[in-house]
């Protein structure tokens, strides 16, 4: 589906610190007047959400900004990247706002952002 790919000049693997993976629940639970809850499947496919952290140089931070704002159209377009846990190439897109940056040492910046793997 995706026609754009994660830039080769950016890290291809996420930092182990700050990495989180969560699958969105695919069920709907309904409280009943008495007895156990009623449950049913809500979706046939559920997205996987990742919290990503990368350590970048100043040049790489500029590349990520260009990728987010220009190539991915403010994070709205899907792109191909490696699944952080399995290593397989998947389609994903940014969630929430733009990547955040924090100074992480001489010439290094820690960035964090969220993405979801598209089903």
N, C-alpha and C. Protein backbone atom coordinates (compact mmCIF):
# COMPACT_ATOMS: atom_id res chain seq x y z
N UNK A 1 0.81 -1.19 0.00
CA UNK A 1 0.00 0.00 0.00
C UNK A 1 0.86 1.25 0.00
N UNK A 2 1.85 1.31 0.88
CA UNK A 2 2.67 2.52 0.99
C UNK A 2 3.60 2.66 -0.21
N UNK A 3 3.74 3.88 -0.66
CA UNK A 3 4.65 4.13 -1.78
C UNK A 3 5.90 4.87 -1.34
N UNK A 4 5.94 5.31 -0.09
CA UNK A 4 7.13 5.97 0.42
C UNK A 4 7.78 5.06 1.47
N UNK A 5 9.08 5.21 1.63
CA UNK A 5 9.80 4.36 2.57
C UNK A 5 10.56 5.23 3.58
N UNK A 6 10.82 4.63 4.72
CA UNK A 6 11.59 5.28 5.76
C UNK A 6 12.96 5.65 5.19
N UNK A 7 13.45 6.86 5.41
CA UNK A 7 14.73 7.28 4.81
C UNK A 7 15.90 6.39 5.25
N UNK A 8 16.73 6.05 4.29
CA UNK A 8 17.89 5.19 4.54
C UNK A 8 18.93 5.87 5.43
N UNK A 9 18.93 7.21 5.47
CA UNK A 9 19.92 7.93 6.27
C UNK A 9 19.52 8.04 7.74
N UNK A 10 18.31 7.58 8.07
CA UNK A 10 17.87 7.55 9.47
C UNK A 10 18.12 6.16 10.04
N UNK A 11 18.21 6.05 11.37
CA UNK A 11 18.41 4.72 11.96
C UNK A 11 17.32 3.75 11.49
N UNK A 12 17.72 2.53 11.19
CA UNK A 12 16.78 1.53 10.72
C UNK A 12 16.20 0.70 11.86
N UNK A 13 16.78 0.84 13.05
CA UNK A 13 16.31 0.12 14.22
C UNK A 13 16.05 1.10 15.34
N UNK A 14 15.03 0.85 16.14
CA UNK A 14 14.67 1.76 17.23
C UNK A 14 15.56 1.51 18.44
N UNK A 15 15.69 2.54 19.28
CA UNK A 15 16.41 2.38 20.55
C UNK A 15 15.60 1.44 21.44
N UNK A 16 16.28 0.58 22.14
CA UNK A 16 15.58 -0.35 23.04
C UNK A 16 14.94 0.39 24.21
N UNK A 17 15.59 1.46 24.69
CA UNK A 17 14.97 2.29 25.72
C UNK A 17 13.85 3.08 25.08
N UNK A 18 12.72 3.11 25.70
CA UNK A 18 11.62 3.89 25.18
C UNK A 18 10.74 3.18 24.18
N UNK A 19 11.10 1.94 23.80
CA UNK A 19 10.28 1.19 22.84
C UNK A 19 9.14 0.51 23.57
N UNK A 20 7.93 0.70 23.06
CA UNK A 20 6.76 0.01 23.59
C UNK A 20 5.90 -0.43 22.42
N UNK A 21 5.26 -1.57 22.57
CA UNK A 21 4.37 -2.11 21.54
C UNK A 21 3.06 -2.50 22.20
N UNK A 22 1.95 -2.11 21.60
CA UNK A 22 0.64 -2.46 22.15
C UNK A 22 -0.34 -2.71 21.01
N UNK A 23 -1.09 -3.79 21.12
CA UNK A 23 -2.13 -4.08 20.14
C UNK A 23 -3.45 -3.51 20.67
N UNK A 24 -4.17 -2.82 19.81
CA UNK A 24 -5.46 -2.27 20.17
C UNK A 24 -6.44 -3.42 20.39
N UNK A 25 -7.24 -3.33 21.43
CA UNK A 25 -8.21 -4.38 21.72
C UNK A 25 -9.22 -4.50 20.58
N UNK A 26 -9.52 -5.70 20.20
CA UNK A 26 -10.46 -5.93 19.10
C UNK A 26 -11.81 -6.42 19.56
N UNK A 27 -12.14 -6.16 20.83
CA UNK A 27 -13.42 -6.66 21.33
C UNK A 27 -14.22 -5.54 21.99
N UNK A 28 -15.51 -5.75 22.03
CA UNK A 28 -16.43 -4.83 22.69
C UNK A 28 -17.05 -5.56 23.87
N UNK A 29 -16.93 -4.98 25.06
CA UNK A 29 -17.52 -5.57 26.26
C UNK A 29 -18.72 -4.74 26.68
N UNK A 30 -19.82 -5.42 26.99
CA UNK A 30 -21.04 -4.74 27.39
C UNK A 30 -21.48 -5.28 28.75
N UNK A 31 -21.66 -4.38 29.71
CA UNK A 31 -22.16 -4.78 31.02
C UNK A 31 -23.62 -5.23 30.88
N UNK A 32 -23.97 -6.30 31.56
CA UNK A 32 -25.34 -6.81 31.56
C UNK A 32 -25.99 -6.46 32.90
N UNK A 33 -27.32 -6.51 32.95
CA UNK A 33 -28.02 -6.24 34.21
C UNK A 33 -27.63 -7.26 35.27
N UNK A 34 -27.43 -8.48 34.84
CA UNK A 34 -26.96 -9.52 35.76
C UNK A 34 -26.11 -10.51 34.97
N UNK A 35 -25.22 -11.19 35.67
CA UNK A 35 -24.39 -12.17 35.01
C UNK A 35 -23.13 -11.57 34.41
N UNK A 36 -22.40 -12.41 33.68
CA UNK A 36 -21.13 -11.94 33.11
C UNK A 36 -21.34 -10.93 31.97
N UNK A 37 -20.29 -10.20 31.66
CA UNK A 37 -20.32 -9.25 30.55
C UNK A 37 -20.57 -9.99 29.25
N UNK A 38 -21.21 -9.30 28.32
CA UNK A 38 -21.33 -9.81 26.96
C UNK A 38 -20.13 -9.30 26.18
N UNK A 39 -19.51 -10.18 25.39
CA UNK A 39 -18.34 -9.78 24.59
C UNK A 39 -18.53 -10.23 23.16
N UNK A 40 -18.04 -9.37 22.24
CA UNK A 40 -18.03 -9.73 20.83
C UNK A 40 -16.84 -9.07 20.16
N UNK A 41 -16.44 -9.67 19.05
CA UNK A 41 -15.33 -9.11 18.30
C UNK A 41 -15.81 -7.84 17.62
N UNK A 42 -15.02 -6.80 17.74
CA UNK A 42 -15.38 -5.51 17.18
C UNK A 42 -14.72 -5.28 15.82
N UNK A 43 -13.49 -5.78 15.65
CA UNK A 43 -12.74 -5.60 14.41
C UNK A 43 -12.23 -6.95 13.92
N UNK A 44 -12.03 -7.05 12.62
CA UNK A 44 -11.41 -8.25 12.08
C UNK A 44 -9.89 -8.13 12.09
N UNK A 45 -9.38 -6.91 12.09
CA UNK A 45 -7.94 -6.67 12.17
C UNK A 45 -7.72 -5.50 13.12
N UNK A 46 -6.75 -5.63 14.00
CA UNK A 46 -6.48 -4.57 14.96
C UNK A 46 -5.08 -4.00 14.72
N UNK A 47 -4.96 -2.68 14.79
CA UNK A 47 -3.64 -2.08 14.58
C UNK A 47 -2.72 -2.32 15.77
N UNK A 48 -1.43 -2.31 15.49
CA UNK A 48 -0.40 -2.39 16.53
C UNK A 48 0.22 -1.00 16.65
N UNK A 49 0.29 -0.48 17.86
CA UNK A 49 0.80 0.86 18.10
C UNK A 49 2.18 0.76 18.76
N UNK A 50 3.12 1.55 18.26
CA UNK A 50 4.48 1.57 18.79
C UNK A 50 4.81 2.97 19.31
N UNK A 51 5.47 3.01 20.46
CA UNK A 51 6.13 4.22 20.94
C UNK A 51 7.60 4.05 20.60
N UNK A 52 8.12 4.95 19.80
CA UNK A 52 9.47 4.83 19.25
C UNK A 52 10.36 5.90 19.84
N UNK A 53 11.60 5.54 20.10
CA UNK A 53 12.63 6.51 20.48
C UNK A 53 13.86 6.24 19.63
N UNK A 54 14.43 7.30 19.07
CA UNK A 54 15.64 7.22 18.27
C UNK A 54 16.64 8.26 18.76
N UNK A 55 17.91 7.97 18.63
CA UNK A 55 18.97 8.94 18.90
C UNK A 55 19.51 9.39 17.55
N UNK A 56 19.44 10.71 17.30
CA UNK A 56 19.78 11.26 15.99
C UNK A 56 20.85 12.33 16.09
N UNK A 57 21.57 12.51 14.99
CA UNK A 57 22.44 13.67 14.86
C UNK A 57 21.57 14.85 14.43
N UNK A 58 22.13 16.04 14.42
CA UNK A 58 21.39 17.22 13.99
C UNK A 58 20.91 17.07 12.54
N UNK A 59 21.78 16.52 11.68
CA UNK A 59 21.42 16.31 10.27
C UNK A 59 20.28 15.29 10.16
N UNK A 60 20.34 14.23 10.95
CA UNK A 60 19.28 13.23 10.91
C UNK A 60 17.96 13.81 11.43
N UNK A 61 18.02 14.69 12.43
CA UNK A 61 16.80 15.34 12.93
C UNK A 61 16.16 16.18 11.82
N UNK A 62 16.98 16.87 11.04
CA UNK A 62 16.47 17.64 9.90
C UNK A 62 15.83 16.70 8.87
N UNK A 63 16.47 15.54 8.64
CA UNK A 63 15.92 14.56 7.69
C UNK A 63 14.58 14.04 8.17
N UNK A 64 14.46 13.75 9.48
CA UNK A 64 13.19 13.27 10.02
C UNK A 64 12.11 14.33 9.88
N UNK A 65 12.44 15.58 10.15
CA UNK A 65 11.46 16.67 9.98
C UNK A 65 10.99 16.76 8.53
N UNK A 66 11.92 16.70 7.59
CA UNK A 66 11.55 16.75 6.17
C UNK A 66 10.67 15.56 5.80
N UNK A 67 11.03 14.38 6.30
CA UNK A 67 10.23 13.19 6.03
C UNK A 67 8.82 13.34 6.60
N UNK A 68 8.71 13.78 7.83
CA UNK A 68 7.40 13.93 8.48
C UNK A 68 6.55 15.01 7.80
N UNK A 69 7.10 16.21 7.66
CA UNK A 69 6.31 17.34 7.18
C UNK A 69 6.10 17.34 5.66
N UNK A 70 7.11 16.95 4.90
CA UNK A 70 7.02 17.05 3.44
C UNK A 70 6.66 15.72 2.80
N UNK A 71 7.49 14.70 3.02
CA UNK A 71 7.28 13.42 2.34
C UNK A 71 6.00 12.74 2.81
N UNK A 72 5.79 12.69 4.13
CA UNK A 72 4.60 12.02 4.69
C UNK A 72 3.44 13.00 4.91
N UNK A 73 3.56 14.20 4.39
CA UNK A 73 2.48 15.20 4.45
C UNK A 73 1.94 15.39 5.87
N UNK A 74 2.82 15.88 6.75
CA UNK A 74 2.49 16.10 8.16
C UNK A 74 2.06 14.81 8.85
N UNK A 75 2.65 13.71 8.44
CA UNK A 75 2.40 12.42 9.08
C UNK A 75 1.14 11.72 8.65
N UNK A 76 0.49 12.19 7.58
CA UNK A 76 -0.79 11.59 7.17
C UNK A 76 -0.64 10.43 6.19
N UNK A 77 0.49 10.35 5.49
CA UNK A 77 0.67 9.27 4.51
C UNK A 77 1.37 8.06 5.13
N UNK A 78 0.95 6.86 4.75
CA UNK A 78 1.65 5.66 5.25
C UNK A 78 3.02 5.52 4.60
N UNK A 79 3.89 4.80 5.27
CA UNK A 79 5.23 4.56 4.75
C UNK A 79 5.67 3.15 5.15
N UNK A 80 6.66 2.64 4.43
CA UNK A 80 7.22 1.32 4.74
C UNK A 80 8.41 1.47 5.66
N UNK A 81 8.46 0.61 6.67
CA UNK A 81 9.59 0.55 7.59
C UNK A 81 9.62 -0.84 8.18
N UNK A 82 10.71 -1.18 8.81
CA UNK A 82 10.82 -2.50 9.43
C UNK A 82 10.07 -2.53 10.75
N UNK A 83 9.30 -3.61 10.94
CA UNK A 83 8.62 -3.83 12.21
C UNK A 83 9.70 -3.92 13.29
N UNK A 84 9.61 -3.12 14.37
CA UNK A 84 10.69 -3.09 15.36
C UNK A 84 10.99 -4.43 16.03
N UNK A 85 10.00 -5.31 16.14
CA UNK A 85 10.23 -6.59 16.82
C UNK A 85 10.53 -7.72 15.86
N UNK A 86 9.78 -7.80 14.74
CA UNK A 86 9.93 -8.93 13.83
C UNK A 86 10.93 -8.69 12.71
N UNK A 87 11.17 -7.42 12.38
CA UNK A 87 12.10 -7.09 11.30
C UNK A 87 11.49 -7.16 9.91
N UNK A 88 10.22 -7.58 9.81
CA UNK A 88 9.58 -7.64 8.49
C UNK A 88 9.16 -6.23 8.05
N UNK A 89 9.12 -5.99 6.75
CA UNK A 89 8.72 -4.70 6.22
C UNK A 89 7.20 -4.58 6.29
N UNK A 90 6.71 -3.50 6.91
CA UNK A 90 5.28 -3.29 7.09
C UNK A 90 4.92 -1.85 6.73
N UNK A 91 3.64 -1.63 6.48
CA UNK A 91 3.13 -0.28 6.27
C UNK A 91 2.74 0.30 7.61
N UNK A 92 3.18 1.52 7.87
CA UNK A 92 2.83 2.19 9.11
C UNK A 92 2.60 3.66 8.85
N UNK A 93 2.05 4.33 9.84
CA UNK A 93 1.86 5.78 9.75
C UNK A 93 2.03 6.39 11.13
N UNK A 94 2.34 7.68 11.13
CA UNK A 94 2.52 8.40 12.38
C UNK A 94 1.19 8.56 13.10
N UNK A 95 1.24 8.53 14.43
CA UNK A 95 0.07 8.82 15.26
C UNK A 95 0.37 10.06 16.08
N UNK A 96 -0.66 10.79 16.42
CA UNK A 96 -0.47 11.97 17.26
C UNK A 96 0.27 13.07 16.51
N UNK A 97 1.05 13.80 17.24
CA UNK A 97 1.74 14.93 16.65
C UNK A 97 3.08 14.59 16.05
N UNK A 98 3.81 15.63 15.74
CA UNK A 98 5.13 15.51 15.13
C UNK A 98 6.13 14.95 16.15
N UNK A 99 7.26 14.41 15.67
CA UNK A 99 8.29 13.92 16.59
C UNK A 99 8.77 15.02 17.54
N UNK A 100 9.04 14.62 18.78
CA UNK A 100 9.58 15.52 19.81
C UNK A 100 11.07 15.29 19.91
N UNK A 101 11.81 16.35 20.26
CA UNK A 101 13.26 16.25 20.37
C UNK A 101 13.72 16.71 21.75
N UNK A 102 14.76 16.07 22.25
CA UNK A 102 15.41 16.49 23.49
C UNK A 102 16.92 16.33 23.29
N UNK A 103 17.68 17.27 23.83
CA UNK A 103 19.13 17.22 23.70
C UNK A 103 19.64 15.99 24.46
N UNK A 104 20.49 15.19 23.81
CA UNK A 104 20.97 13.93 24.41
C UNK A 104 22.48 13.88 24.49
N UNK A 105 23.14 15.01 24.39
CA UNK A 105 24.60 15.03 24.42
C UNK A 105 25.12 15.84 23.26
N UNK A 106 26.43 15.91 23.17
CA UNK A 106 27.05 16.68 22.10
C UNK A 106 26.61 16.17 20.74
N UNK A 107 25.96 17.02 19.99
CA UNK A 107 25.53 16.71 18.62
C UNK A 107 24.51 15.58 18.52
N UNK A 108 23.88 15.18 19.63
CA UNK A 108 22.87 14.12 19.58
C UNK A 108 21.55 14.61 20.15
N UNK A 109 20.47 14.09 19.55
CA UNK A 109 19.13 14.45 19.98
C UNK A 109 18.30 13.17 20.10
N UNK A 110 17.57 13.07 21.20
CA UNK A 110 16.65 11.95 21.37
C UNK A 110 15.31 12.40 20.84
N UNK A 111 14.72 11.60 19.98
CA UNK A 111 13.40 11.92 19.45
C UNK A 111 12.44 10.81 19.83
N UNK A 112 11.19 11.18 20.03
CA UNK A 112 10.17 10.19 20.33
C UNK A 112 8.92 10.52 19.52
N UNK A 113 8.24 9.46 19.10
CA UNK A 113 7.01 9.59 18.34
C UNK A 113 6.27 8.26 18.37
N UNK A 114 5.04 8.28 17.94
CA UNK A 114 4.23 7.05 17.89
C UNK A 114 3.84 6.75 16.46
N UNK A 115 3.80 5.46 16.15
CA UNK A 115 3.34 4.99 14.84
C UNK A 115 2.41 3.81 15.05
N UNK A 116 1.64 3.51 14.03
CA UNK A 116 0.82 2.29 14.05
C UNK A 116 1.09 1.49 12.79
N UNK A 117 1.11 0.18 12.96
CA UNK A 117 1.22 -0.72 11.82
C UNK A 117 -0.19 -0.88 11.27
N UNK A 118 -0.33 -0.68 9.98
CA UNK A 118 -1.65 -0.77 9.37
C UNK A 118 -1.98 -2.24 9.11
N UNK A 119 -3.22 -2.62 9.43
CA UNK A 119 -3.61 -4.02 9.22
C UNK A 119 -3.70 -4.39 7.75
